[in-house]
């Protein structure tokens, strides 16, 4: 036999879980100091630059 579910409680629980997930993302985004955010951004840019430097150029014009 199936379990009886109160749809109102299930809806509220899902909404609360969504809010908790959003709050966690906001804590990560807004809770870090500016110096740490800038350092992470600089490291990402450096890694992206190193990766793009290793890519091969595609020459599709073989006339």
N, C-alpha and C. Protein backbone atom coordinates (compact mmCIF):
# COMPACT_ATOMS: atom_id res chain seq x y z
N UNK A 1 0.84 -1.17 0.00
CA UNK A 1 0.00 0.00 0.00
C UNK A 1 0.89 1.24 0.00
N UNK A 2 0.46 2.26 -0.70
CA UNK A 2 1.24 3.48 -0.84
C UNK A 2 1.15 4.32 0.43
N UNK A 3 2.20 5.09 0.64
CA UNK A 3 2.24 5.98 1.80
C UNK A 3 1.40 7.22 1.52
N UNK A 4 0.63 7.64 2.49
CA UNK A 4 -0.20 8.82 2.35
C UNK A 4 0.67 10.05 2.57
N UNK A 5 0.58 11.01 1.64
CA UNK A 5 1.42 12.20 1.69
C UNK A 5 0.51 13.43 1.77
N UNK A 6 0.80 14.29 2.71
CA UNK A 6 0.10 15.56 2.80
C UNK A 6 0.74 16.50 1.79
N UNK A 7 -0.01 16.87 0.76
CA UNK A 7 0.56 17.66 -0.33
C UNK A 7 0.98 19.05 0.12
N UNK A 8 0.27 19.62 1.08
CA UNK A 8 0.64 20.95 1.58
C UNK A 8 1.99 20.89 2.27
N UNK A 9 2.20 19.87 3.11
CA UNK A 9 3.49 19.74 3.79
C UNK A 9 4.61 19.45 2.81
N UNK A 10 4.32 18.64 1.80
CA UNK A 10 5.34 18.31 0.80
C UNK A 10 5.73 19.56 0.01
N UNK A 11 4.74 20.38 -0.36
CA UNK A 11 5.01 21.60 -1.10
C UNK A 11 5.84 22.57 -0.27
N UNK A 12 5.48 22.71 1.00
CA UNK A 12 6.22 23.62 1.88
C UNK A 12 7.64 23.12 2.12
N UNK A 13 7.81 21.80 2.25
CA UNK A 13 9.14 21.24 2.46
C UNK A 13 10.02 21.47 1.23
N UNK A 14 9.43 21.32 0.04
CA UNK A 14 10.20 21.54 -1.18
C UNK A 14 10.58 23.02 -1.30
N UNK A 15 9.66 23.92 -0.96
CA UNK A 15 9.96 25.35 -1.01
C UNK A 15 11.06 25.71 -0.02
N UNK A 16 11.01 25.12 1.16
CA UNK A 16 12.04 25.40 2.16
C UNK A 16 13.40 24.89 1.70
N UNK A 17 13.42 23.71 1.07
CA UNK A 17 14.68 23.17 0.55
C UNK A 17 15.25 24.07 -0.54
N UNK A 18 14.38 24.60 -1.39
CA UNK A 18 14.83 25.51 -2.44
C UNK A 18 15.41 26.80 -1.85
N UNK A 19 14.74 27.32 -0.83
CA UNK A 19 15.24 28.54 -0.17
C UNK A 19 16.57 28.29 0.52
N UNK A 20 16.71 27.12 1.15
CA UNK A 20 17.98 26.78 1.80
C UNK A 20 19.11 26.68 0.79
N UNK A 21 18.81 26.11 -0.36
CA UNK A 21 19.82 25.97 -1.41
C UNK A 21 20.25 27.35 -1.92
N UNK A 22 19.28 28.24 -2.14
CA UNK A 22 19.58 29.59 -2.59
C UNK A 22 20.38 30.35 -1.52
N UNK A 23 19.99 30.17 -0.26
CA UNK A 23 20.69 30.86 0.83
C UNK A 23 22.14 30.39 0.92
N UNK A 24 22.37 29.10 0.73
CA UNK A 24 23.74 28.58 0.77
C UNK A 24 24.58 29.17 -0.35
N UNK A 25 24.01 29.28 -1.54
CA UNK A 25 24.74 29.87 -2.66
C UNK A 25 25.04 31.34 -2.39
N UNK A 26 24.08 32.05 -1.80
CA UNK A 26 24.30 33.46 -1.49
C UNK A 26 25.35 33.65 -0.40
N UNK A 27 25.38 32.74 0.57
CA UNK A 27 26.42 32.83 1.61
C UNK A 27 27.80 32.66 1.01
N UNK A 28 27.92 31.75 0.05
CA UNK A 28 29.22 31.55 -0.60
C UNK A 28 29.59 32.78 -1.41
N UNK A 29 28.62 33.31 -2.15
CA UNK A 29 28.89 34.44 -3.03
C UNK A 29 29.17 35.72 -2.26
N UNK A 30 28.37 36.04 -1.29
CA UNK A 30 28.46 37.31 -0.59
C UNK A 30 29.24 37.23 0.72
N UNK A 31 29.59 36.04 1.14
CA UNK A 31 30.27 35.90 2.42
C UNK A 31 31.78 35.87 2.33
N UNK A 32 32.32 35.88 1.12
CA UNK A 32 33.77 35.83 0.98
C UNK A 32 34.32 37.25 0.87
N UNK A 33 35.47 37.50 1.45
CA UNK A 33 36.08 38.82 1.35
C UNK A 33 36.48 39.15 -0.09
N UNK A 34 36.55 40.41 -0.39
CA UNK A 34 36.85 40.86 -1.74
C UNK A 34 38.23 40.37 -2.20
N UNK A 35 39.18 40.35 -1.31
CA UNK A 35 40.53 39.91 -1.68
C UNK A 35 40.53 38.44 -2.10
N UNK A 36 39.75 37.62 -1.42
CA UNK A 36 39.68 36.20 -1.76
C UNK A 36 38.97 36.02 -3.09
N UNK A 37 37.89 36.79 -3.33
CA UNK A 37 37.18 36.71 -4.62
C UNK A 37 38.10 37.12 -5.76
N UNK A 38 38.87 38.19 -5.56
CA UNK A 38 39.78 38.66 -6.60
C UNK A 38 40.89 37.65 -6.86
N UNK A 39 41.38 37.01 -5.81
CA UNK A 39 42.41 36.00 -5.97
C UNK A 39 41.88 34.81 -6.76
N UNK A 40 40.68 34.36 -6.45
CA UNK A 40 40.08 33.24 -7.17
C UNK A 40 39.86 33.60 -8.63
N UNK A 41 39.41 34.83 -8.89
CA UNK A 41 39.19 35.28 -10.27
C UNK A 41 40.51 35.34 -11.03
N UNK A 42 41.56 35.84 -10.38
CA UNK A 42 42.87 35.92 -11.03
C UNK A 42 43.41 34.54 -11.35
N UNK A 43 43.25 33.62 -10.43
CA UNK A 43 43.72 32.24 -10.66
C UNK A 43 42.95 31.60 -11.82
N UNK A 44 41.64 31.84 -11.88
CA UNK A 44 40.83 31.28 -12.96
C UNK A 44 41.26 31.86 -14.30
N UNK A 45 41.48 33.17 -14.34
CA UNK A 45 41.92 33.80 -15.58
C UNK A 45 43.28 33.28 -16.03
N UNK A 46 44.18 33.06 -15.09
CA UNK A 46 45.51 32.54 -15.42
C UNK A 46 45.40 31.13 -15.97
N UNK A 47 44.56 30.30 -15.34
CA UNK A 47 44.38 28.93 -15.81
C UNK A 47 43.73 28.90 -17.19
N UNK A 48 42.75 29.78 -17.42
CA UNK A 48 42.12 29.86 -18.73
C UNK A 48 43.11 30.30 -19.80
N UNK A 49 43.97 31.24 -19.45
CA UNK A 49 44.97 31.71 -20.39
C UNK A 49 45.98 30.63 -20.72
N UNK A 50 46.37 29.86 -19.73
CA UNK A 50 47.32 28.78 -19.97
C UNK A 50 46.69 27.70 -20.84
N UNK A 51 45.41 27.43 -20.60
CA UNK A 51 44.72 26.43 -21.39
C UNK A 51 44.55 26.87 -22.83
N UNK A 52 44.17 28.13 -23.03
CA UNK A 52 43.98 28.62 -24.39
C UNK A 52 45.32 28.71 -25.12
N UNK A 53 46.40 28.88 -24.40
CA UNK A 53 47.71 28.92 -25.02
C UNK A 53 48.15 27.56 -25.55
N UNK A 54 47.58 26.50 -25.03
CA UNK A 54 47.95 25.16 -25.46
C UNK A 54 47.03 24.61 -26.55
N UNK A 55 45.99 25.35 -26.89
CA UNK A 55 45.08 24.89 -27.93
C UNK A 55 45.72 25.05 -29.29
N UNK A 56 45.40 24.13 -30.17
CA UNK A 56 45.90 24.18 -31.53
C UNK A 56 44.95 25.01 -32.38
N UNK A 57 45.52 25.71 -33.33
CA UNK A 57 44.70 26.49 -34.25
C UNK A 57 44.17 25.56 -35.33
N UNK A 58 42.89 25.71 -35.68
CA UNK A 58 42.28 24.91 -36.73
C UNK A 58 42.33 25.68 -38.03
N UNK A 59 43.04 25.15 -39.00
CA UNK A 59 43.09 25.76 -40.34
C UNK A 59 42.14 24.99 -41.22
N UNK A 60 40.95 25.53 -41.44
CA UNK A 60 39.95 24.87 -42.26
C UNK A 60 40.09 25.27 -43.72
N UNK A 61 40.86 26.30 -44.02
CA UNK A 61 41.04 26.76 -45.41
C UNK A 61 42.26 26.06 -46.00
N UNK A 62 42.06 24.87 -46.52
CA UNK A 62 43.16 24.10 -47.14
C UNK A 62 43.02 24.19 -48.66
N UNK A 63 43.22 25.38 -49.23
CA UNK A 63 43.10 25.58 -50.67
C UNK A 63 44.42 25.35 -51.32
